[in-house]
Amino acid sequence: MSRNVGIVKDWRYVRHGTEFSHPESPQRLVSIYEMLDNPDMVWKFIGIEAREASRAELELVHRPAYIDTIAATAGQAMFMLDPDTVATPETYEIARLAVGGVMNAIDTVTCRAADNAFALVRPPGHHAQPGTAAGFCVFNNIAIGARHALDRHRMERILIVDWDLHHGNGTQEIFYEDREVLYFSTHQYPAYPGTGGMGETGRGKGLGYTVNVPLSPGADDAFYVRVFRDILSPITLAFRPEIILVSAGFDTYFGDPLGEMKVTPAGYASLTRMLLDLADECCEGRLVLVLEGGYHIQGLTKCVRAVLLELLGETRVTEETLVQLAAGTDEKADRLIGRVRGQLEPFWPVL
């Protein structure tokens, strides 16, 4: 089945952070955009315009004083927001543009102008907390997008799946006491930022609505597929989200300089297929991916292409392939999944 896939692609995103050497470089998007501009790809997608988020939209997640701090960096040569995160003269504008691009992608999929979408934006967002920049992230793009879906589209259940190498501590904090947004994260552990332990499951009315699956270095395609099949899928089917949002980081790619995982482009296609199937089952196919990390430029581009082809339906990972992958895991996966189930069964008896 072919699908209409929306793409947020705006060359203005390249303007953030051009003045210094940094892993989260403009070249990440330059390479992806050049791939999309190839004659075999350029005609396949529905363009989704970016726009700058308003002050009120930023305040759906972020504190006014923090927004003021970021706004004050506009036009400054360089401003260190934290040891890893730098604002350059255009950062405030471009970070607002990233948020707006994600909201427009959600709007486009929700109103059915596209079946699914991928917001290819920067700077990334999932480490940004209400009052703090962190880990290359300025505003929390996906969290603001989720709040936007709750407010504008009157949704009541949103699933955020974070497959980035690093735990999305900002997203977790924002929704930690919330049962309208279920946050699911696979991440290398221990690693930056040090959060995402299995016992972090939410607080108050949000207890059980944060699901962390901390993975040891070396997890491969099979390991991730097994976790998605055995943990994510049953919880999602019980939760019945109205849209699935994905913090799509590609630093679990086997050659990424910041990670120690072993996921291939085919592995990302497999994860995408499972999310497409869950979205078809639960929410009329509504699926929006948002770019987060991924620092091996060629690998990042190959992985994004593999995901896009799966979104389009030009490739289709079969159920047989997924079953074979999941069956190829070892006792290490059995033990981890058993521990995660033990942690979550009180909240999700389906496990």
Protein backbone atom coordinates (compact mmCIF):
# COMPACT_ATOMS: atom_id res chain seq x y z
CA MET A 1 0.00 0.00 0.00
CA SER A 2 1.48 3.32 -1.07
CA ARG A 3 1.06 6.28 1.26
CA ASN A 4 1.23 10.05 1.01
CA VAL A 5 4.21 11.14 3.08
CA GLY A 6 4.69 14.73 4.17
CA ILE A 7 8.16 16.22 4.61
CA VAL A 8 9.20 19.31 6.55
CA LYS A 9 12.27 20.48 4.65
CA ASP A 10 13.49 24.07 4.90
CA TRP A 11 17.01 25.21 4.10
CA ARG A 12 16.77 27.85 6.82
CA TYR A 13 17.42 25.07 9.35
CA VAL A 14 20.97 24.92 8.04
CA ARG A 15 21.66 28.44 9.32
CA HIS A 16 21.80 27.40 13.00
CA GLY A 17 25.31 26.73 14.25
CA THR A 18 27.33 27.35 11.11
CA GLU A 19 30.04 29.32 12.96
CA PHE A 20 31.71 26.51 14.89
CA SER A 21 32.61 22.83 14.78
CA HIS A 22 30.03 20.66 16.54
CA PRO A 23 28.62 17.10 16.14
CA GLU A 24 25.15 18.57 15.58
CA SER A 25 26.29 20.33 12.44
CA PRO A 26 24.33 21.85 9.55
CA GLN A 27 25.89 19.18 7.32
CA ARG A 28 23.49 16.65 8.85
CA LEU A 29 20.54 18.28 7.10
CA VAL A 30 22.51 19.29 4.01
CA SER A 31 23.22 15.61 3.33
CA ILE A 32 19.61 14.55 3.94
CA TYR A 33 18.21 17.37 1.83
CA GLU A 34 20.58 16.58 -1.04
CA MET A 35 19.37 12.97 -0.93
CA LEU A 36 15.79 14.19 -1.09
CA ASP A 37 16.58 16.48 -4.00
CA ASN A 38 17.77 13.57 -6.16
CA PRO A 39 15.53 12.95 -9.20
CA ASP A 40 14.51 9.52 -7.85
CA MET A 41 13.22 11.02 -4.58
CA VAL A 42 12.20 14.65 -5.05
CA TRP A 43 8.74 13.98 -6.51
CA LYS A 44 7.62 11.41 -3.96
CA PHE A 45 6.70 13.63 -1.03
CA ILE A 46 4.18 16.26 0.01
CA GLY A 47 5.95 19.43 1.11
CA ILE A 48 4.99 20.79 4.53
CA GLU A 49 5.95 24.40 5.13
CA ALA A 50 7.82 25.41 8.25
CA ARG A 51 6.76 28.39 10.34
CA GLU A 52 8.04 30.08 13.45
CA ALA A 53 6.26 29.00 16.63
CA SER A 54 4.57 31.79 18.52
CA ARG A 55 5.49 32.84 22.02
CA ALA A 56 2.27 31.26 23.34
CA GLU A 57 3.12 27.99 21.63
CA LEU A 58 6.59 27.89 23.18
CA GLU A 59 4.96 28.53 26.55
CA LEU A 60 2.96 25.30 26.19
CA VAL A 61 6.14 23.67 27.54
CA HIS A 62 8.78 26.28 28.37
CA ARG A 63 8.98 28.86 31.15
CA PRO A 64 8.72 32.52 30.10
CA ALA A 65 12.09 33.40 31.67
CA TYR A 66 13.80 30.63 29.68
CA ILE A 67 12.23 31.80 26.43
CA ASP A 68 13.46 35.31 27.26
CA THR A 69 16.99 33.93 27.72
CA ILE A 70 16.95 32.28 24.30
CA ALA A 71 15.39 35.34 22.67
CA ALA A 72 18.19 37.49 24.09
CA THR A 73 20.79 35.43 22.18
CA ALA A 74 19.41 36.63 18.82
CA GLY A 75 22.16 38.41 16.94
CA GLN A 76 24.89 37.50 19.43
CA ALA A 77 28.02 35.95 17.98
CA MET A 78 27.95 32.92 20.27
CA PHE A 79 26.26 32.15 23.59
CA MET A 80 26.86 28.98 25.59
CA LEU A 81 23.50 27.64 26.82
CA ASP A 82 25.17 24.64 28.45
CA PRO A 83 28.53 22.87 27.94
CA ASP A 84 27.18 21.07 24.84
CA THR A 85 24.66 23.58 23.50
CA VAL A 86 25.51 26.81 21.75
CA ALA A 87 23.28 29.58 20.41
CA THR A 88 24.47 31.52 17.38
CA PRO A 89 22.91 34.70 15.95
CA GLU A 90 20.09 32.83 14.17
CA THR A 91 19.37 30.17 16.78
CA TYR A 92 16.28 31.71 18.38
CA GLU A 93 14.61 32.13 14.99
CA ILE A 94 15.60 28.68 13.73
CA ALA A 95 14.66 26.90 16.96
CA ARG A 96 11.20 28.47 16.72
CA LEU A 97 11.09 27.33 13.09
CA ALA A 98 11.85 23.75 14.21
CA VAL A 99 8.94 23.80 16.65
CA GLY A 100 6.62 25.28 14.03
CA GLY A 101 7.65 22.70 11.46
CA VAL A 102 6.75 19.90 13.86
CA MET A 103 3.36 21.46 14.66
CA ASN A 104 2.63 21.88 10.95
CA ALA A 105 3.52 18.22 10.36
CA ILE A 106 1.09 17.17 13.10
CA ASP A 107 -1.62 19.41 11.63
CA THR A 108 -1.06 17.99 8.14
CA VAL A 109 -1.38 14.38 9.29
CA THR A 110 -4.29 15.08 11.62
CA CYS A 111 -6.33 16.73 8.87
CA ARG A 112 -5.40 13.86 6.51
CA ALA A 113 -3.55 15.99 3.95
CA ALA A 114 -0.80 13.37 4.37
CA ASP A 115 -0.93 9.84 5.77
CA ASN A 116 2.24 10.32 7.80
CA ALA A 117 5.10 12.80 7.98
CA PHE A 118 8.76 13.30 8.84
CA ALA A 119 9.85 16.69 10.20
CA LEU A 120 13.49 17.00 9.14
CA VAL A 121 14.34 19.89 11.44
CA ARG A 122 17.13 21.16 13.66
CA PRO A 123 18.14 21.98 16.33
CA PRO A 124 16.88 18.77 17.96
CA GLY A 125 14.71 18.92 21.05
CA HIS A 126 14.23 15.95 23.35
CA HIS A 127 16.81 16.98 25.99
CA ALA A 128 15.35 20.49 26.40
CA GLN A 129 13.54 20.88 29.72
CA PRO A 130 10.99 23.59 30.63
CA GLY A 131 13.72 25.95 31.81
CA THR A 132 16.95 24.51 30.45
CA ALA A 133 18.76 23.86 27.17
CA ALA A 134 20.76 20.64 27.07
CA GLY A 135 22.39 18.11 24.77
CA PHE A 136 22.30 20.26 21.59
CA CYS A 137 18.56 20.97 22.20
CA VAL A 138 16.99 24.43 22.59
CA PHE A 139 13.20 24.00 22.54
CA ASN A 140 11.55 20.60 22.98
CA ASN A 141 10.05 20.25 19.52
CA ILE A 142 8.17 17.00 20.05
CA ALA A 143 6.84 17.93 23.50
CA ILE A 144 5.43 21.21 22.21
CA GLY A 145 3.99 19.27 19.27
CA ALA A 146 2.26 16.89 21.66
CA ARG A 147 0.81 19.73 23.73
CA HIS A 148 -0.35 21.34 20.47
CA ALA A 149 -2.14 18.12 19.48
CA LEU A 150 -3.82 17.95 22.88
CA ASP A 151 -4.94 21.58 22.77
CA ARG A 152 -5.72 22.32 19.13
CA HIS A 153 -6.90 18.90 18.00
CA ARG A 154 -8.56 17.92 21.29
CA MET A 155 -6.66 14.66 21.46
CA GLU A 156 -6.68 12.75 24.73
CA ARG A 157 -4.03 10.03 24.18
CA ILE A 158 -0.67 10.58 22.50
CA LEU A 159 2.22 8.13 22.29
CA ILE A 160 5.78 9.44 22.01
CA VAL A 161 8.31 6.79 20.98
CA ASP A 162 11.93 7.86 21.46
CA TRP A 163 14.44 5.58 19.73
CA ASP A 164 17.35 8.03 19.96
CA LEU A 165 20.59 6.69 21.48
CA HIS A 166 20.24 9.12 24.38
CA HIS A 167 17.38 9.22 26.83
CA GLY A 168 14.99 12.11 26.22
CA ASN A 169 15.15 13.49 29.74
CA GLY A 170 13.40 16.71 28.76
CA THR A 171 10.41 14.96 27.21
CA GLN A 172 10.18 12.60 30.18
CA GLU A 173 10.22 15.46 32.69
CA ILE A 174 7.54 17.40 30.83
CA PHE A 175 5.07 14.49 30.82
CA TYR A 176 6.17 12.63 33.97
CA GLU A 177 2.89 13.32 35.82
CA ASP A 178 0.71 13.14 32.72
CA ARG A 179 -1.42 10.21 31.57
CA GLU A 180 -2.52 11.83 28.31
CA VAL A 181 0.99 11.43 26.87
CA LEU A 182 2.66 8.02 27.14
CA TYR A 183 6.45 8.31 26.78
CA PHE A 184 8.36 5.21 25.64
CA SER A 185 12.16 5.32 25.33
CA THR A 186 14.85 2.88 24.29
CA HIS A 187 18.34 4.25 24.96
CA GLN A 188 21.92 3.29 25.67
CA TYR A 189 22.42 3.08 29.41
CA PRO A 190 24.44 4.30 31.14
CA ALA A 191 25.10 7.23 28.82
CA TYR A 192 24.33 10.94 28.60
CA PRO A 193 22.24 12.36 30.25
CA GLY A 194 22.23 9.65 32.93
CA THR A 195 18.45 9.40 33.25
CA GLY A 196 16.08 6.74 31.95
CA GLY A 197 16.44 3.98 34.51
CA MET A 198 13.90 1.20 34.38
CA GLY A 199 12.37 2.35 37.66
CA GLU A 200 11.48 5.78 36.24
CA THR A 201 7.82 5.05 35.42
CA GLY A 202 6.04 8.34 36.12
CA ARG A 203 4.56 10.06 39.13
CA GLY A 204 1.07 10.75 40.48
CA LYS A 205 -1.63 10.29 37.87
CA GLY A 206 1.16 9.67 35.34
CA LEU A 207 2.45 6.58 37.12
CA GLY A 208 2.96 3.86 34.54
CA TYR A 209 2.86 6.28 31.59
CA THR A 210 6.64 6.59 31.33
CA VAL A 211 8.27 3.44 29.96
CA ASN A 212 12.06 3.24 29.92
CA VAL A 213 13.95 0.36 28.33
CA PRO A 214 17.64 0.98 29.12
CA LEU A 215 19.90 -0.98 26.79
CA SER A 216 23.52 -2.01 27.17
CA PRO A 217 25.96 -1.06 24.40
CA GLY A 218 25.90 -3.32 21.37
CA ALA A 219 22.14 -3.70 20.88
CA ASP A 220 21.43 -4.54 17.24
CA ASP A 221 18.44 -4.68 14.87
CA ALA A 222 17.14 -7.91 16.41
CA PHE A 223 17.33 -6.57 19.96
CA TYR A 224 15.36 -3.43 19.10
CA VAL A 225 12.73 -5.38 17.15
CA ARG A 226 12.29 -7.75 20.09
CA VAL A 227 11.80 -4.85 22.53
CA PHE A 228 9.27 -3.17 20.24
CA ARG A 229 7.33 -6.41 19.72
CA ASP A 230 7.32 -7.58 23.34
CA ILE A 231 7.00 -4.28 25.24
CA LEU A 232 5.94 -1.38 23.00
CA SER A 233 3.33 -3.18 20.88
CA PRO A 234 1.14 -4.59 23.68
CA ILE A 235 1.26 -1.35 25.67
CA THR A 236 0.36 0.68 22.57
CA LEU A 237 -2.58 -1.58 21.73
CA ALA A 238 -3.86 -1.19 25.29
CA PHE A 239 -3.31 2.59 25.37
CA ARG A 240 -4.90 3.22 21.93
CA PRO A 241 -3.15 6.52 21.05
CA GLU A 242 -4.80 8.96 18.68
CA ILE A 243 -1.43 9.79 17.10
CA ILE A 244 2.08 8.37 17.39
CA LEU A 245 4.98 10.82 17.52
CA VAL A 246 8.57 9.61 17.17
CA SER A 247 11.76 11.20 18.46
CA ALA A 248 13.74 9.73 15.58
CA GLY A 249 17.41 9.84 16.48
CA PHE A 250 19.84 7.89 14.33
CA ASP A 251 22.81 7.77 16.69
CA THR A 252 22.08 4.08 17.35
CA TYR A 253 23.46 3.52 13.83
CA PHE A 254 26.36 1.07 14.01
CA GLY A 255 28.96 3.63 12.91
CA ASP A 256 27.82 6.66 14.92
CA PRO A 257 30.72 8.45 16.65
CA LEU A 258 28.68 9.20 19.81
CA GLY A 259 27.17 5.75 20.33
CA GLU A 260 27.94 2.07 20.72
CA MET A 261 24.83 0.49 19.21
CA LYS A 262 24.61 -1.60 16.05
CA VAL A 263 21.41 -0.65 14.26
CA THR A 264 21.44 -0.68 10.44
CA PRO A 265 19.25 1.14 7.91
CA ALA A 266 17.27 -2.10 7.57
CA GLY A 267 16.77 -2.08 11.33
CA TYR A 268 15.28 1.41 11.24
CA ALA A 269 12.97 0.30 8.42
CA SER A 270 11.83 -2.58 10.64
CA LEU A 271 11.06 -0.26 13.56
CA THR A 272 9.21 2.06 11.19
CA ARG A 273 7.13 -0.85 9.85
CA MET A 274 6.08 -1.82 13.37
CA LEU A 275 5.08 1.77 14.16
CA LEU A 276 3.13 2.03 10.90
CA ASP A 277 1.26 -1.15 11.76
CA LEU A 278 0.49 0.10 15.28
CA ALA A 279 -0.67 3.45 13.89
CA ASP A 280 -2.94 1.65 11.41
CA GLU A 281 -4.39 -0.43 14.24
CA CYS A 282 -4.89 2.42 16.72
CA CYS A 283 -5.10 5.81 15.06
CA GLU A 284 -5.93 5.62 11.35
CA GLY A 285 -2.25 5.59 10.44
CA ARG A 286 -1.39 8.93 12.05
CA LEU A 287 2.38 8.85 12.54
CA VAL A 288 4.78 11.81 12.70
CA LEU A 289 8.54 11.45 13.03
CA VAL A 290 10.79 14.27 14.26
CA LEU A 291 14.54 14.26 13.67
CA GLU A 292 16.67 14.17 16.81
CA GLY A 293 20.28 12.89 16.87
CA GLY A 294 22.50 11.04 14.40
CA TYR A 295 26.07 12.17 13.81
CA HIS A 296 27.53 9.84 11.18
CA ILE A 297 26.56 11.95 8.19
CA GLN A 298 26.45 9.20 5.55
CA GLY A 299 24.86 6.72 7.95
CA LEU A 300 22.26 9.26 9.04
CA THR A 301 21.29 9.90 5.43
CA LYS A 302 21.06 6.19 4.58
CA CYS A 303 18.90 5.55 7.64
CA VAL A 304 16.54 8.46 6.97
CA ARG A 305 16.15 7.22 3.38
CA ALA A 306 15.32 3.71 4.59
CA VAL A 307 12.68 5.10 6.96
CA LEU A 308 11.16 7.28 4.22
CA LEU A 309 10.90 4.39 1.77
CA GLU A 310 9.10 2.34 4.42
CA LEU A 311 6.76 5.26 5.18
CA LEU A 312 5.97 5.52 1.48
CA GLY A 313 5.29 1.79 1.19
CA GLU A 314 7.96 1.39 -1.49
CA THR A 315 9.63 -1.11 0.81
CA ARG A 316 7.69 -3.26 3.24
CA VAL A 317 9.37 -5.25 5.97
CA THR A 318 7.39 -8.48 6.22
CA GLU A 319 5.98 -10.01 9.37
CA GLU A 320 8.14 -13.06 8.64
CA THR A 321 11.26 -10.88 8.73
CA LEU A 322 10.21 -9.31 12.04
CA VAL A 323 9.51 -12.72 13.58
CA GLN A 324 12.88 -14.03 12.43
CA LEU A 325 14.68 -10.98 13.82
CA ALA A 326 12.96 -11.23 17.19
CA ALA A 327 13.75 -14.94 17.36
CA GLY A 328 17.43 -14.18 16.82
CA THR A 329 17.93 -12.54 20.21
CA ASP A 330 19.72 -14.21 23.11
CA GLU A 331 19.26 -14.68 26.86
CA LYS A 332 20.38 -11.10 27.45
CA ALA A 333 17.23 -9.88 25.70
CA ASP A 334 15.11 -12.40 27.61
CA ARG A 335 16.42 -11.09 30.93
CA LEU A 336 15.95 -7.43 30.05
CA ILE A 337 12.41 -7.91 28.77
CA GLY A 338 11.55 -9.95 31.85
CA ARG A 339 12.76 -7.15 34.12
CA VAL A 340 10.89 -4.48 32.16
CA ARG A 341 7.71 -6.56 32.28
CA GLY A 342 8.09 -7.00 36.02
CA GLN A 343 8.38 -3.24 36.43
CA LEU A 344 5.38 -2.43 34.26
CA GLU A 345 2.89 -5.27 34.80
CA PRO A 346 1.18 -3.45 37.69
CA PHE A 347 0.25 -0.68 35.25
CA TRP A 348 -0.07 -2.71 32.05
CA PRO A 349 -1.47 -6.19 32.84
CA VAL A 350 -1.38 -6.95 29.10
CA LEU A 351 2.35 -7.61 29.57
